[in-house]
Amino acid sequence: MAKVIMYTRVPCPYCVSAKRLFSAKGIQIEEIDLTNDWDQLDAIKEKTGWQTVPIILIDGKLIGGYDDLKALDQAGRLDILLK
């Protein structure tokens, strides 16, 4: 099973949607809530090059945000990455 890490903030409807998608697939994620940690948020943005939350990584590879996750799922490629 792939390791999924998702960086989030509150409020974030896209974060909620991403969590629901993973939950519907029975996938447990490691959620790192950066709501009150601006330094760590800035660091992960710089590291990944991604500027919005959620920041989703599967097995250490940047997937992007919720729209990217949804597109992978609709294309049938998400399940392959999650194995």
PDB file of N, CA and C in Angstrom:
ATOM      1  N   MET A   1       0.847  -1.179   0.000  1.00  0.00           N
ATOM      2  CA  MET A   1       0.000   0.000   0.000  1.00  0.00           C
ATOM      3  C   MET A   1       0.891   1.240   0.000  1.00  0.00           C
ATOM      4  N   ALA A   2       0.548   2.203  -0.805  1.00  0.00           N
ATOM      5  CA  ALA A   2       1.312   3.438  -0.916  1.00  0.00           C
ATOM      6  C   ALA A   2       1.145   4.294   0.338  1.00  0.00           C
ATOM      7  N   LYS A   3       2.162   5.097   0.614  1.00  0.00           N
ATOM      8  CA  LYS A   3       2.095   6.032   1.734  1.00  0.00           C
ATOM      9  C   LYS A   3       1.621   7.380   1.194  1.00  0.00           C
ATOM     10  N   VAL A   4       0.543   7.879   1.784  1.00  0.00           N
ATOM     11  CA  VAL A   4      -0.038   9.151   1.355  1.00  0.00           C
ATOM     12  C   VAL A   4       0.136  10.175   2.471  1.00  0.00           C
ATOM     13  N   ILE A   5       0.748  11.298   2.119  1.00  0.00           N
ATOM     14  CA  ILE A   5       0.891  12.416   3.042  1.00  0.00           C
ATOM     15  C   ILE A   5       0.155  13.593   2.436  1.00  0.00           C
ATOM     16  N   MET A   6      -0.646  14.257   3.254  1.00  0.00           N
ATOM     17  CA  MET A   6      -1.385  15.412   2.770  1.00  0.00           C
ATOM     18  C   MET A   6      -1.216  16.561   3.768  1.00  0.00           C
ATOM     19  N   TYR A   7      -0.679  17.661   3.262  1.00  0.00           N
ATOM     20  CA  TYR A   7      -0.536  18.881   4.050  1.00  0.00           C
ATOM     21  C   TYR A   7      -1.809  19.694   3.877  1.00  0.00           C
ATOM     22  N   THR A   8      -2.382  20.125   4.990  1.00  0.00           N
ATOM     23  CA  THR A   8      -3.672  20.813   4.970  1.00  0.00           C
ATOM     24  C   THR A   8      -3.634  22.069   5.828  1.00  0.00           C
ATOM     25  N   ARG A   9      -4.711  22.843   5.707  1.00  0.00           N
ATOM     26  CA  ARG A   9      -4.990  23.985   6.582  1.00  0.00           C
ATOM     27  C   ARG A   9      -6.488  24.020   6.793  1.00  0.00           C
ATOM     28  N   VAL A  10      -6.897  24.758   7.818  1.00  0.00           N
ATOM     29  CA  VAL A  10      -8.317  24.939   8.099  1.00  0.00           C
ATOM     30  C   VAL A  10      -8.611  26.421   8.008  1.00  0.00           C
ATOM     31  N   PRO A  11      -9.635  26.858   7.325  1.00  0.00           N
ATOM     32  CA  PRO A  11     -10.583  26.065   6.537  1.00  0.00           C
ATOM     33  C   PRO A  11     -10.018  25.796   5.143  1.00  0.00           C
ATOM     34  N   CYS A  12     -10.405  24.675   4.574  1.00  0.00           N
ATOM     35  CA  CYS A  12      -9.945  24.306   3.238  1.00  0.00           C
ATOM     36  C   CYS A  12     -10.910  23.279   2.658  1.00  0.00           C
ATOM     37  N   PRO A  13     -11.880  23.707   1.860  1.00  0.00           N
ATOM     38  CA  PRO A  13     -12.830  22.759   1.285  1.00  0.00           C
ATOM     39  C   PRO A  13     -12.167  21.732   0.362  1.00  0.00           C
ATOM     40  N   TYR A  14     -11.070  22.115  -0.279  1.00  0.00           N
ATOM     41  CA  TYR A  14     -10.374  21.161  -1.144  1.00  0.00           C
ATOM     42  C   TYR A  14      -9.696  20.060  -0.327  1.00  0.00           C
ATOM     43  N   CYS A  15      -9.216  20.428   0.848  1.00  0.00           N
ATOM     44  CA  CYS A  15      -8.626  19.438   1.754  1.00  0.00           C
ATOM     45  C   CYS A  15      -9.690  18.434   2.192  1.00  0.00           C
ATOM     46  N   VAL A  16     -10.857  18.931   2.546  1.00  0.00           N
ATOM     47  CA  VAL A  16     -11.969  18.065   2.957  1.00  0.00           C
ATOM     48  C   VAL A  16     -12.347  17.124   1.814  1.00  0.00           C
ATOM     49  N   SER A  17     -12.425  17.640   0.604  1.00  0.00           N
ATOM     50  CA  SER A  17     -12.791  16.814  -0.553  1.00  0.00           C
ATOM     51  C   SER A  17     -11.744  15.741  -0.810  1.00  0.00           C
ATOM     52  N   ALA A  18     -10.479  16.093  -0.685  1.00  0.00           N
ATOM     53  CA  ALA A  18      -9.413  15.108  -0.893  1.00  0.00           C
ATOM     54  C   ALA A  18      -9.483  14.006   0.165  1.00  0.00           C
ATOM     55  N   LYS A  19      -9.707  14.401   1.424  1.00  0.00           N
ATOM     56  CA  LYS A  19      -9.831  13.400   2.489  1.00  0.00           C
ATOM     57  C   LYS A  19     -11.010  12.474   2.229  1.00  0.00           C
ATOM     58  N   ARG A  20     -12.114  13.022   1.742  1.00  0.00           N
ATOM     59  CA  ARG A  20     -13.288  12.189   1.433  1.00  0.00           C
ATOM     60  C   ARG A  20     -12.987  11.194   0.317  1.00  0.00           C
ATOM     61  N   LEU A  21     -12.264  11.656  -0.706  1.00  0.00           N
ATOM     62  CA  LEU A  21     -11.928  10.759  -1.811  1.00  0.00           C
ATOM     63  C   LEU A  21     -11.069   9.601  -1.316  1.00  0.00           C
ATOM     64  N   PHE A  22     -10.044   9.907  -0.521  1.00  0.00           N
ATOM     65  CA  PHE A  22      -9.203   8.840   0.023  1.00  0.00           C
ATOM     66  C   PHE A  22     -10.008   7.919   0.932  1.00  0.00           C
ATOM     67  N   SER A  23     -10.870   8.482   1.760  1.00  0.00           N
ATOM     68  CA  SER A  23     -11.696   7.685   2.664  1.00  0.00           C
ATOM     69  C   SER A  23     -12.610   6.750   1.886  1.00  0.00           C
ATOM     70  N   ALA A  24     -13.203   7.244   0.807  1.00  0.00           N
ATOM     71  CA  ALA A  24     -14.094   6.421  -0.015  1.00  0.00           C
ATOM     72  C   ALA A  24     -13.343   5.238  -0.634  1.00  0.00           C
ATOM     73  N   LYS A  25     -12.051   5.400  -0.845  1.00  0.00           N
ATOM     74  CA  LYS A  25     -11.231   4.323  -1.400  1.00  0.00           C
ATOM     75  C   LYS A  25     -10.627   3.437  -0.308  1.00  0.00           C
ATOM     76  N   GLY A  26     -10.904   3.772   0.953  1.00  0.00           N
ATOM     77  CA  GLY A  26     -10.367   2.990   2.054  1.00  0.00           C
ATOM     78  C   GLY A  26      -8.889   3.229   2.302  1.00  0.00           C
ATOM     79  N   ILE A  27      -8.397   4.385   1.880  1.00  0.00           N
ATOM     80  CA  ILE A  27      -6.983   4.710   2.016  1.00  0.00           C
ATOM     81  C   ILE A  27      -6.768   5.593   3.236  1.00  0.00           C
ATOM     82  N   GLN A  28      -5.876   5.164   4.119  1.00  0.00           N
ATOM     83  CA  GLN A  28      -5.513   5.986   5.262  1.00  0.00           C
ATOM     84  C   GLN A  28      -4.416   6.945   4.831  1.00  0.00           C
ATOM     85  N   ILE A  29      -4.533   8.170   5.283  1.00  0.00           N
ATOM     86  CA  ILE A  29      -3.533   9.174   4.948  1.00  0.00           C
ATOM     87  C   ILE A  29      -2.876   9.691   6.205  1.00  0.00           C
ATOM     88  N   GLU A  30      -1.681  10.222   6.036  1.00  0.00           N
ATOM     89  CA  GLU A  30      -1.032  10.963   7.112  1.00  0.00           C
ATOM     90  C   GLU A  30      -1.314  12.426   6.834  1.00  0.00           C
ATOM     91  N   GLU A  31      -2.131  13.025   7.666  1.00  0.00           N
ATOM     92  CA  GLU A  31      -2.487  14.431   7.485  1.00  0.00           C
ATOM     93  C   GLU A  31      -1.614  15.300   8.380  1.00  0.00           C
ATOM     94  N   ILE A  32      -1.003  16.301   7.771  1.00  0.00           N
ATOM     95  CA  ILE A  32      -0.190  17.252   8.515  1.00  0.00           C
ATOM     96  C   ILE A  32      -0.882  18.606   8.409  1.00  0.00           C
ATOM     97  N   ASP A  33      -1.493  19.012   9.508  1.00  0.00           N
ATOM     98  CA  ASP A  33      -2.257  20.257   9.559  1.00  0.00           C
ATOM     99  C   ASP A  33      -1.307  21.416   9.835  1.00  0.00           C
ATOM    100  N   LEU A  34      -1.205  22.315   8.864  1.00  0.00           N
ATOM    101  CA  LEU A  34      -0.297  23.455   8.977  1.00  0.00           C
ATOM    102  C   LEU A  34      -1.040  24.764   9.233  1.00  0.00           C
ATOM    103  N   THR A  35      -2.241  24.666   9.779  1.00  0.00           N
ATOM    104  CA  THR A  35      -3.072  25.845   9.998  1.00  0.00           C
ATOM    105  C   THR A  35      -2.333  26.943  10.747  1.00  0.00           C
ATOM    106  N   ASN A  36      -1.633  26.603  11.803  1.00  0.00           N
ATOM    107  CA  ASN A  36      -0.966  27.608  12.627  1.00  0.00           C
ATOM    108  C   ASN A  36       0.550  27.542  12.544  1.00  0.00           C
ATOM    109  N   ASP A  37       1.065  26.885  11.516  1.00  0.00           N
ATOM    110  CA  ASP A  37       2.512  26.714  11.392  1.00  0.00           C
ATOM    111  C   ASP A  37       2.984  27.301  10.060  1.00  0.00           C
ATOM    112  N   TRP A  38       3.076  28.612  10.015  1.00  0.00           N
ATOM    113  CA  TRP A  38       3.431  29.308   8.773  1.00  0.00           C
ATOM    114  C   TRP A  38       4.833  28.943   8.296  1.00  0.00           C
ATOM    115  N   ASP A  39       5.761  28.746   9.222  1.00  0.00           N
ATOM    116  CA  ASP A  39       7.133  28.412   8.825  1.00  0.00           C
ATOM    117  C   ASP A  39       7.192  27.065   8.111  1.00  0.00           C
ATOM    118  N   GLN A  40       6.497  26.066   8.667  1.00  0.00           N
ATOM    119  CA  GLN A  40       6.505  24.750   8.023  1.00  0.00           C
ATOM    120  C   GLN A  40       5.738  24.792   6.696  1.00  0.00           C
ATOM    121  N   LEU A  41       4.665  25.581   6.634  1.00  0.00           N
ATOM    122  CA  LEU A  41       3.921  25.723   5.384  1.00  0.00           C
ATOM    123  C   LEU A  41       4.811  26.337   4.309  1.00  0.00           C
ATOM    124  N   ASP A  42       5.535  27.389   4.658  1.00  0.00           N
ATOM    125  CA  ASP A  42       6.454  28.011   3.706  1.00  0.00           C
ATOM    126  C   ASP A  42       7.537  27.024   3.266  1.00  0.00           C
ATOM    127  N   ALA A  43       8.036  26.223   4.203  1.00  0.00           N
ATOM    128  CA  ALA A  43       9.091  25.259   3.891  1.00  0.00           C
ATOM    129  C   ALA A  43       8.595  24.190   2.920  1.00  0.00           C
ATOM    130  N   ILE A  44       7.384  23.662   3.146  1.00  0.00           N
ATOM    131  CA  ILE A  44       6.873  22.605   2.254  1.00  0.00           C
ATOM    132  C   ILE A  44       6.521  23.190   0.890  1.00  0.00           C
ATOM    133  N   LYS A  45       6.063  24.437   0.862  1.00  0.00           N
ATOM    134  CA  LYS A  45       5.799  25.089  -0.422  1.00  0.00           C
ATOM    135  C   LYS A  45       7.094  25.220  -1.222  1.00  0.00           C
ATOM    136  N   GLU A  46       8.157  25.642  -0.541  1.00  0.00           N
ATOM    137  CA  GLU A  46       9.442  25.793  -1.227  1.00  0.00           C
ATOM    138  C   GLU A  46       9.980  24.436  -1.680  1.00  0.00           C
ATOM    139  N   LYS A  47       9.857  23.433  -0.834  1.00  0.00           N
ATOM    140  CA  LYS A  47      10.367  22.099  -1.151  1.00  0.00           C
ATOM    141  C   LYS A  47       9.642  21.486  -2.349  1.00  0.00           C
ATOM    142  N   THR A  48       8.309  21.630  -2.382  1.00  0.00           N
ATOM    143  CA  THR A  48       7.524  20.981  -3.441  1.00  0.00           C
ATOM    144  C   THR A  48       7.282  21.878  -4.642  1.00  0.00           C
ATOM    145  N   GLY A  49       7.353  23.193  -4.438  1.00  0.00           N
ATOM    146  CA  GLY A  49       7.012  24.113  -5.510  1.00  0.00           C
ATOM    147  C   GLY A  49       5.514  24.324  -5.649  1.00  0.00           C
ATOM    148  N   TRP A  50       4.737  23.706  -4.762  1.00  0.00           N
ATOM    149  CA  TRP A  50       3.272  23.818  -4.784  1.00  0.00           C
ATOM    150  C   TRP A  50       2.856  24.911  -3.825  1.00  0.00           C
ATOM    151  N   GLN A  51       1.971  25.806  -4.242  1.00  0.00           N
ATOM    152  CA  GLN A  51       1.672  26.998  -3.454  1.00  0.00           C
ATOM    153  C   GLN A  51       0.332  26.982  -2.716  1.00  0.00           C
ATOM    154  N   THR A  52      -0.495  25.989  -2.939  1.00  0.00           N
ATOM    155  CA  THR A  52      -1.801  25.940  -2.280  1.00  0.00           C
ATOM    156  C   THR A  52      -1.978  24.614  -1.557  1.00  0.00           C
ATOM    157  N   VAL A  53      -2.919  24.577  -0.625  1.00  0.00           N
ATOM    158  CA  VAL A  53      -3.254  23.322   0.053  1.00  0.00           C
ATOM    159  C   VAL A  53      -4.547  22.781  -0.533  1.00  0.00           C
ATOM    160  N   PRO A  54      -4.714  21.487  -0.529  1.00  0.00           N
ATOM    161  CA  PRO A  54      -3.799  20.512   0.029  1.00  0.00           C
ATOM    162  C   PRO A  54      -2.579  20.306  -0.869  1.00  0.00           C
ATOM    163  N   ILE A  55      -1.509  19.880  -0.238  1.00  0.00           N
ATOM    164  CA  ILE A  55      -0.320  19.417  -0.952  1.00  0.00           C
ATOM    165  C   ILE A  55      -0.291  17.916  -0.716  1.00  0.00           C
ATOM    166  N   ILE A  56      -0.466  17.151  -1.786  1.00  0.00           N
ATOM    167  CA  ILE A  56      -0.622  15.699  -1.663  1.00  0.00           C
ATOM    168  C   ILE A  56       0.597  14.996  -2.247  1.00  0.00           C
ATOM    169  N   LEU A  57       1.163  14.095  -1.433  1.00  0.00           N
ATOM    170  CA  LEU A  57       2.293  13.279  -1.860  1.00  0.00           C
ATOM    171  C   LEU A  57       1.910  11.813  -1.746  1.00  0.00           C
ATOM    172  N   ILE A  58       2.221  11.047  -2.761  1.00  0.00           N
ATOM    173  CA  ILE A  58       2.021   9.601  -2.721  1.00  0.00           C
ATOM    174  C   ILE A  58       3.383   8.959  -2.922  1.00  0.00           C
ATOM    175  N   ASP A  59       3.812   8.206  -1.921  1.00  0.00           N
ATOM    176  CA  ASP A  59       5.146   7.603  -1.905  1.00  0.00           C
ATOM    177  C   ASP A  59       6.229   8.637  -2.207  1.00  0.00           C
ATOM    178  N   GLY A  60       6.081   9.817  -1.613  1.00  0.00           N
ATOM    179  CA  GLY A  60       7.079  10.867  -1.747  1.00  0.00           C
ATOM    180  C   GLY A  60       7.008  11.679  -3.026  1.00  0.00           C
ATOM    181  N   LYS A  61       6.111  11.304  -3.932  1.00  0.00           N
ATOM    182  CA  LYS A  61       5.983  12.014  -5.208  1.00  0.00           C
ATOM    183  C   LYS A  61       4.838  13.016  -5.110  1.00  0.00           C
ATOM    184  N   LEU A  62       5.108  14.269  -5.498  1.00  0.00           N
ATOM    185  CA  LEU A  62       4.069  15.291  -5.480  1.00  0.00           C
ATOM    186  C   LEU A  62       2.996  14.966  -6.505  1.00  0.00           C
ATOM    187  N   ILE A  63       1.756  14.881  -6.017  1.00  0.00           N
ATOM    188  CA  ILE A  63       0.599  14.672  -6.892  1.00  0.00           C
ATOM    189  C   ILE A  63       0.000  16.020  -7.252  1.00  0.00           C
ATOM    190  N   GLY A  64       0.057  16.959  -6.318  1.00  0.00           N
ATOM    191  CA  GLY A  64      -0.519  18.285  -6.512  1.00  0.00           C
ATOM    192  C   GLY A  64      -1.598  18.514  -5.482  1.00  0.00           C
ATOM    193  N   GLY A  65      -2.681  19.136  -5.922  1.00  0.00           N
ATOM    194  CA  GLY A  65      -3.803  19.436  -5.045  1.00  0.00           C
ATOM    195  C   GLY A  65      -4.994  18.546  -5.348  1.00  0.00           C
ATOM    196  N   TYR A  66      -6.145  18.965  -4.848  1.00  0.00           N
ATOM    197  CA  TYR A  66      -7.348  18.150  -5.014  1.00  0.00           C
ATOM    198  C   TYR A  66      -7.741  17.978  -6.481  1.00  0.00           C
ATOM    199  N   ASP A  67      -7.691  19.048  -7.263  1.00  0.00           N
ATOM    200  CA  ASP A  67      -8.076  18.925  -8.678  1.00  0.00           C
ATOM    201  C   ASP A  67      -7.195  17.909  -9.404  1.00  0.00           C
ATOM    202  N   ASP A  68      -5.909  17.894  -9.073  1.00  0.00           N
ATOM    203  CA  ASP A  68      -4.987  16.934  -9.685  1.00  0.00           C
ATOM    204  C   ASP A  68      -5.312  15.516  -9.229  1.00  0.00           C
ATOM    205  N   LEU A  69      -5.625  15.367  -7.952  1.00  0.00           N
ATOM    206  CA  LEU A  69      -6.004  14.072  -7.400  1.00  0.00           C
ATOM    207  C   LEU A  69      -7.261  13.546  -8.085  1.00  0.00           C
ATOM    208  N   LYS A  70      -8.251  14.410  -8.208  1.00  0.00           N
ATOM    209  CA  LYS A  70      -9.513  14.026  -8.848  1.00  0.00           C
ATOM    210  C   LYS A  70      -9.293  13.637 -10.309  1.00  0.00           C
ATOM    211  N   ALA A  71      -8.454  14.388 -11.007  1.00  0.00           N
ATOM    212  CA  ALA A  71      -8.162  14.080 -12.410  1.00  0.00           C
ATOM    213  C   ALA A  71      -7.480  12.720 -12.539  1.00  0.00           C
ATOM    214  N   LEU A  72      -6.555  12.420 -11.639  1.00  0.00           N
ATOM    215  CA  LEU A  72      -5.914  11.095 -11.653  1.00  0.00           C
ATOM    216  C   LEU A  72      -6.942   9.991 -11.436  1.00  0.00           C
ATOM    217  N   ASP A  73      -7.849  10.230 -10.496  1.00  0.00           N
ATOM    218  CA  ASP A  73      -8.883   9.237 -10.210  1.00  0.00           C
ATOM    219  C   ASP A  73      -9.791   9.035 -11.412  1.00  0.00           C
ATOM    220  N   GLN A  74     -10.209  10.117 -12.031  1.00  0.00           N
ATOM    221  CA  GLN A  74     -11.115  10.017 -13.181  1.00  0.00           C
ATOM    222  C   GLN A  74     -10.430   9.350 -14.374  1.00  0.00           C
ATOM    223  N   ALA A  75      -9.128   9.504 -14.468  1.00  0.00           N
ATOM    224  CA  ALA A  75      -8.374   8.882 -15.559  1.00  0.00           C
ATOM    225  C   ALA A  75      -8.039   7.420 -15.275  1.00  0.00           C
ATOM    226  N   GLY A  76      -8.376   6.957 -14.046  1.00  0.00           N
ATOM    227  CA  GLY A  76      -8.102   5.567 -13.678  1.00  0.00           C
ATOM    228  C   GLY A  76      -6.662   5.335 -13.262  1.00  0.00           C
ATOM    229  N   ARG A  77      -5.898   6.388 -13.018  1.00  0.00           N
ATOM    230  CA  ARG A  77      -4.491   6.235 -12.684  1.00  0.00           C
ATOM    231  C   ARG A  77      -4.225   6.312 -11.183  1.00  0.00           C
ATOM    232  N   LEU A  78      -5.168   6.818 -10.408  1.00  0.00           N
ATOM    233  CA  LEU A  78      -4.954   6.956  -8.975  1.00  0.00           C
ATOM    234  C   LEU A  78      -4.820   5.597  -8.294  1.00  0.00           C
ATOM    235  N   ASP A  79      -5.681   4.662  -8.615  1.00  0.00           N
ATOM    236  CA  ASP A  79      -5.632   3.343  -7.985  1.00  0.00           C
ATOM    237  C   ASP A  79      -4.284   2.662  -8.220  1.00  0.00           C
ATOM    238  N   ILE A  80      -3.703   2.891  -9.382  1.00  0.00           N
ATOM    239  CA  ILE A  80      -2.386   2.299  -9.695  1.00  0.00           C
ATOM    240  C   ILE A  80      -1.324   2.886  -8.752  1.00  0.00           C
ATOM    241  N   LEU A  81      -1.383   4.195  -8.532  1.00  0.00           N
ATOM    242  CA  LEU A  81      -0.418   4.840  -7.645  1.00  0.00           C
ATOM    243  C   LEU A  81      -0.583   4.417  -6.197  1.00  0.00           C
ATOM    244  N   LEU A  82      -1.802   4.069  -5.813  1.00  0.00           N
ATOM    245  CA  LEU A  82      -2.078   3.730  -4.417  1.00  0.00           C
ATOM    246  C   LEU A  82      -1.730   2.292  -4.054  1.00  0.00           C
ATOM    247  N   LYS A  83      -1.390   1.472  -5.016  1.00  0.00           N
ATOM    248  CA  LYS A  83      -1.057   0.065  -4.733  1.00  0.00           C
ATOM    249  C   LYS A  83       0.324  -0.092  -4.180  1.00  0.00           C
TER     250      LYS A  83
END
